[in-house]
């Protein structure tokens, strides 16, 4: 057995995303087929949640092309300040600032896999913040910078975003709240909530607007569940 969170856009309440952790059968092994069996088991468990119909796995392990395309490894965007396109993963990793170095902006030109494995991310000391396109982001609130990057990329991919209305919940089989903070499935759920509320443009007008919008609402981050609800500020 294993436990993983399911992220549910909240379209009416004060919270933007509901997070519910479920137990399900885990299929051991590193192969894609084993991961996808675990995804299927998690989604079967999610269907027991009232109001949950279609669930999308957001990762390279997804059985659906949309879910794989929405992986931070694959979701790319063009940035006017940087002058070139890059993946969400490269943008996130290359923007990290540590006590002993960073941001390592050459990571922006790497593949997503190379970016995540860059040795400097492990030997440069404590993470102190982020610096992307000359905008500095603090570590708190914890998922704000990652969510901003992801949502900023997705809002320019109408071909992907327009398909999300078919789904009522999102998962990432690789995400464990005990090991990680940021989660692409949570970011997708947050995007859907903002979009369905017609608040997407207002909330993403600028980094400051994004922080102010989220700061005014109770938010359950990717590594919290409904029993440990917190606030961004």
Protein backbone atom coordinates (compact mmCIF):
# COMPACT_ATOMS: atom_id res chain seq x y z
CA UNK A 1 0.00 0.00 0.00
CA UNK A 2 1.01 3.61 -0.54
CA UNK A 3 -0.44 7.07 0.07
CA UNK A 4 -0.59 9.94 -2.40
CA UNK A 5 -2.51 13.24 -2.52
CA UNK A 6 -5.29 14.02 -4.95
CA UNK A 7 -5.68 17.70 -5.85
CA UNK A 8 -9.21 18.99 -6.43
CA UNK A 9 -9.95 22.50 -7.77
CA UNK A 10 -12.29 24.32 -5.39
CA UNK A 11 -14.51 26.47 -7.57
CA UNK A 12 -16.77 28.04 -4.93
CA UNK A 13 -15.19 28.23 -1.48
CA UNK A 14 -12.47 30.43 -0.04
CA UNK A 15 -9.81 27.75 -0.59
CA UNK A 16 -8.58 27.41 -4.17
CA UNK A 17 -7.54 23.76 -4.04
CA UNK A 18 -8.60 20.87 -1.82
CA UNK A 19 -6.06 18.16 -1.12
CA UNK A 20 -7.07 14.68 -0.04
CA UNK A 21 -4.56 11.92 0.69
CA UNK A 22 -5.61 8.42 -0.30
CA UNK A 23 -4.28 4.93 0.37
CA UNK A 24 -4.06 2.63 -2.64
CA UNK A 25 -2.30 -0.47 -3.91
CA UNK A 26 1.30 0.23 -4.94
CA UNK A 27 2.94 -1.72 -7.77
CA UNK A 28 6.67 -1.91 -7.01
CA UNK A 29 9.22 -1.41 -9.76
CA UNK A 30 10.73 1.40 -11.80
CA UNK A 31 9.27 0.46 -15.17
CA UNK A 32 6.70 2.69 -16.84
CA UNK A 33 4.14 -0.13 -16.81
CA UNK A 34 4.44 -0.55 -13.04
CA UNK A 35 4.11 3.20 -12.46
CA UNK A 36 1.01 3.29 -14.63
CA UNK A 37 -0.55 0.41 -12.71
CA UNK A 38 -0.07 2.45 -9.54
CA UNK A 39 -1.65 5.45 -11.25
CA UNK A 40 -4.69 3.36 -12.16
CA UNK A 41 -5.02 2.12 -8.57
CA UNK A 42 -4.77 5.67 -7.21
CA UNK A 43 -7.43 6.89 -9.61
CA UNK A 44 -9.75 4.05 -8.68
CA UNK A 45 -9.43 5.14 -5.05
CA UNK A 46 -10.08 8.77 -6.04
CA UNK A 47 -13.37 7.87 -7.69
CA UNK A 48 -14.75 7.13 -4.22
CA UNK A 49 -14.52 10.84 -3.39
CA UNK A 50 -17.93 12.53 -3.92
CA UNK A 51 -17.93 14.67 -7.05
CA UNK A 52 -14.80 13.12 -8.55
CA UNK A 53 -15.33 11.70 -12.01
CA UNK A 54 -12.39 11.89 -14.40
CA UNK A 55 -8.89 12.14 -12.88
CA UNK A 56 -5.77 13.20 -14.79
CA UNK A 57 -2.26 12.03 -13.91
CA UNK A 58 0.08 14.97 -14.54
CA UNK A 59 3.53 13.49 -15.13
CA UNK A 60 5.66 11.69 -17.67
CA UNK A 61 4.09 8.48 -16.27
CA UNK A 62 0.59 9.48 -17.41
CA UNK A 63 -1.29 7.12 -19.71
CA UNK A 64 -2.86 10.15 -21.38
CA UNK A 65 -0.94 12.40 -23.82
CA UNK A 66 -2.37 15.49 -22.08
CA UNK A 67 -0.96 14.44 -18.72
CA UNK A 68 2.48 13.77 -20.17
CA UNK A 69 2.46 17.10 -22.04
CA UNK A 70 1.65 18.88 -18.78
CA UNK A 71 4.70 17.47 -17.03
CA UNK A 72 7.04 20.26 -15.93
CA UNK A 73 9.71 18.41 -17.92
CA UNK A 74 7.68 18.89 -21.12
CA UNK A 75 5.68 22.09 -20.58
CA UNK A 76 7.66 24.90 -22.22
CA UNK A 77 7.11 28.61 -22.61
CA UNK A 78 8.78 31.50 -24.40
CA UNK A 79 9.96 34.31 -22.13
CA UNK A 80 10.32 37.79 -23.60
CA UNK A 81 13.05 38.89 -21.17
CA UNK A 82 15.13 35.76 -21.65
CA UNK A 83 14.55 35.74 -25.39
CA UNK A 84 14.11 31.98 -25.77
CA UNK A 85 11.90 29.07 -24.82
CA UNK A 86 12.52 26.82 -21.82
CA UNK A 87 10.71 24.20 -19.79
CA UNK A 88 9.12 24.89 -16.42
CA UNK A 89 11.62 22.47 -14.88
CA UNK A 90 14.63 24.32 -16.35
CA UNK A 91 13.20 27.68 -15.29
CA UNK A 92 12.66 26.46 -11.74
CA UNK A 93 16.03 24.76 -11.28
CA UNK A 94 18.03 27.50 -13.00
CA UNK A 95 16.46 30.22 -10.83
CA UNK A 96 17.49 28.74 -7.49
CA UNK A 97 19.75 30.93 -5.35
CA UNK A 98 21.96 29.31 -2.71
CA UNK A 99 24.29 30.58 -0.01
CA UNK A 100 27.25 29.66 -2.20
CA UNK A 101 25.96 30.47 -5.67
CA UNK A 102 23.15 30.89 -8.15
CA UNK A 103 21.07 31.54 -10.02
CA UNK A 104 22.74 29.20 -12.52
CA UNK A 105 21.03 30.60 -15.59
CA UNK A 106 22.92 28.37 -18.01
CA UNK A 107 20.56 25.64 -16.80
CA UNK A 108 17.82 27.38 -18.79
CA UNK A 109 19.36 26.00 -21.99
CA UNK A 110 19.64 22.41 -20.74
CA UNK A 111 17.22 19.55 -21.11
CA UNK A 112 14.84 19.14 -18.18
CA UNK A 113 16.57 15.95 -17.09
CA UNK A 114 19.99 17.60 -17.17
CA UNK A 115 18.63 20.58 -15.26
CA UNK A 116 17.30 18.51 -12.38
CA UNK A 117 20.55 16.55 -12.11
CA UNK A 118 22.92 19.53 -12.21
CA UNK A 119 25.48 18.96 -9.45
CA UNK A 120 25.59 22.64 -8.44
CA UNK A 121 22.05 22.32 -7.08
CA UNK A 122 23.38 19.90 -4.46
CA UNK A 123 26.74 21.39 -3.51
CA UNK A 124 25.97 25.12 -3.23
CA UNK A 125 24.67 25.13 0.32
CA UNK A 126 21.32 26.17 1.67
CA UNK A 127 18.60 27.42 -0.70
CA UNK A 128 17.84 31.09 0.04
CA UNK A 129 15.37 32.06 -2.69
CA UNK A 130 14.81 32.38 -6.43
CA UNK A 131 15.81 34.91 -9.09
CA UNK A 132 13.99 34.67 -12.43
CA UNK A 133 14.12 37.33 -15.16
CA UNK A 134 15.45 39.87 -12.62
CA UNK A 135 12.59 39.26 -10.19
CA UNK A 136 13.50 37.91 -6.76
CA UNK A 137 11.22 35.45 -4.98
CA UNK A 138 11.52 34.45 -1.31
CA UNK A 139 11.18 30.90 -0.04
CA UNK A 140 7.88 31.73 1.65
CA UNK A 141 5.17 31.08 0.70
CA UNK A 142 6.71 27.77 -0.19
CA UNK A 143 5.11 26.85 -3.53
CA UNK A 144 4.40 30.34 -4.86
CA UNK A 145 7.34 30.64 -7.26
CA UNK A 146 6.86 27.18 -8.76
CA UNK A 147 3.10 27.72 -9.12
CA UNK A 148 3.71 31.09 -10.77
CA UNK A 149 6.11 29.59 -13.31
CA UNK A 150 3.81 26.70 -14.09
CA UNK A 151 0.62 28.74 -14.40
CA UNK A 152 2.39 31.41 -16.47
CA UNK A 153 3.47 28.70 -18.91
CA UNK A 154 0.10 26.94 -19.03
CA UNK A 155 -1.96 30.08 -19.61
CA UNK A 156 -0.20 30.47 -22.97
CA UNK A 157 -0.99 26.88 -24.00
CA UNK A 158 -4.68 27.04 -24.80
CA UNK A 159 -4.40 23.74 -26.67
CA UNK A 160 -3.64 22.06 -23.33
CA UNK A 161 -5.59 24.28 -20.94
CA UNK A 162 -8.86 23.95 -22.86
CA UNK A 163 -8.87 20.19 -22.21
CA UNK A 164 -8.67 20.50 -18.42
CA UNK A 165 -12.37 21.19 -17.95
CA UNK A 166 -12.99 17.47 -18.56
CA UNK A 167 -11.24 16.57 -15.29
CA UNK A 168 -12.31 17.03 -11.68
CA UNK A 169 -9.03 16.08 -9.96
CA UNK A 170 -5.31 15.74 -10.63
CA UNK A 171 -2.50 13.49 -9.39
CA UNK A 172 1.27 13.06 -9.69
CA UNK A 173 2.33 9.51 -8.85
CA UNK A 174 5.94 10.58 -8.25
CA UNK A 175 5.09 13.30 -5.75
CA UNK A 176 5.50 12.46 -2.07
CA UNK A 177 4.73 15.24 0.44
CA UNK A 178 7.35 13.76 2.77
CA UNK A 179 10.10 14.30 0.17
CA UNK A 180 9.03 17.28 -1.94
CA UNK A 181 7.26 20.63 -1.68
CA UNK A 182 6.25 21.61 -5.21
CA UNK A 183 3.91 19.51 -7.33
CA UNK A 184 2.86 19.94 -10.95
CA UNK A 185 -0.54 18.33 -10.32
CA UNK A 186 -1.25 20.86 -7.59
CA UNK A 187 -0.27 23.69 -9.96
CA UNK A 188 -2.71 22.36 -12.57
CA UNK A 189 -5.52 22.23 -9.99
CA UNK A 190 -4.72 25.80 -8.96
CA UNK A 191 -4.79 26.91 -12.61
CA UNK A 192 -8.19 25.28 -13.15
CA UNK A 193 -9.59 26.92 -10.02
CA UNK A 194 -8.39 30.37 -11.13
CA UNK A 195 -9.62 29.83 -14.66
CA UNK A 196 -13.08 28.60 -13.65
CA UNK A 197 -13.49 31.52 -11.25
CA UNK A 198 -12.52 33.94 -14.07
CA UNK A 199 -9.67 35.17 -11.88
CA UNK A 200 -6.75 33.89 -13.95
CA UNK A 201 -5.77 37.16 -15.62
CA UNK A 202 -6.26 39.17 -12.45
CA UNK A 203 -4.17 36.79 -10.35
CA UNK A 204 -1.33 36.43 -12.85
CA UNK A 205 -1.00 40.03 -13.97
CA UNK A 206 2.37 40.21 -12.19
CA UNK A 207 4.32 38.33 -9.52
CA UNK A 208 3.11 40.84 -6.94
CA UNK A 209 -0.51 40.43 -8.00
CA UNK A 210 -0.15 36.66 -7.76
CA UNK A 211 1.20 36.82 -4.22
CA UNK A 212 -1.46 39.29 -3.12
CA UNK A 213 -4.28 37.22 -4.59
CA UNK A 214 -3.14 34.00 -2.96
CA UNK A 215 -2.29 35.74 0.28
CA UNK A 216 -5.89 36.82 0.73
CA UNK A 217 -7.19 33.25 0.64
CA UNK A 218 -6.82 30.06 2.67
CA UNK A 219 -4.63 27.79 0.57
CA UNK A 220 -3.74 24.15 1.08
CA UNK A 221 -0.30 23.69 -0.45
CA UNK A 222 0.85 20.59 -2.28
CA UNK A 223 2.38 19.02 0.83
CA UNK A 224 -0.60 19.57 3.12
CA UNK A 225 -3.90 17.75 3.36
CA UNK A 226 -7.34 18.81 4.50
CA UNK A 227 -6.41 18.15 8.10
CA UNK A 228 -3.47 20.55 8.10
CA UNK A 229 -4.85 23.52 6.21
CA UNK A 230 -2.63 26.58 6.24
CA UNK A 231 -2.36 30.06 4.78
CA UNK A 232 0.23 31.37 2.38
CA UNK A 233 0.83 34.41 4.59
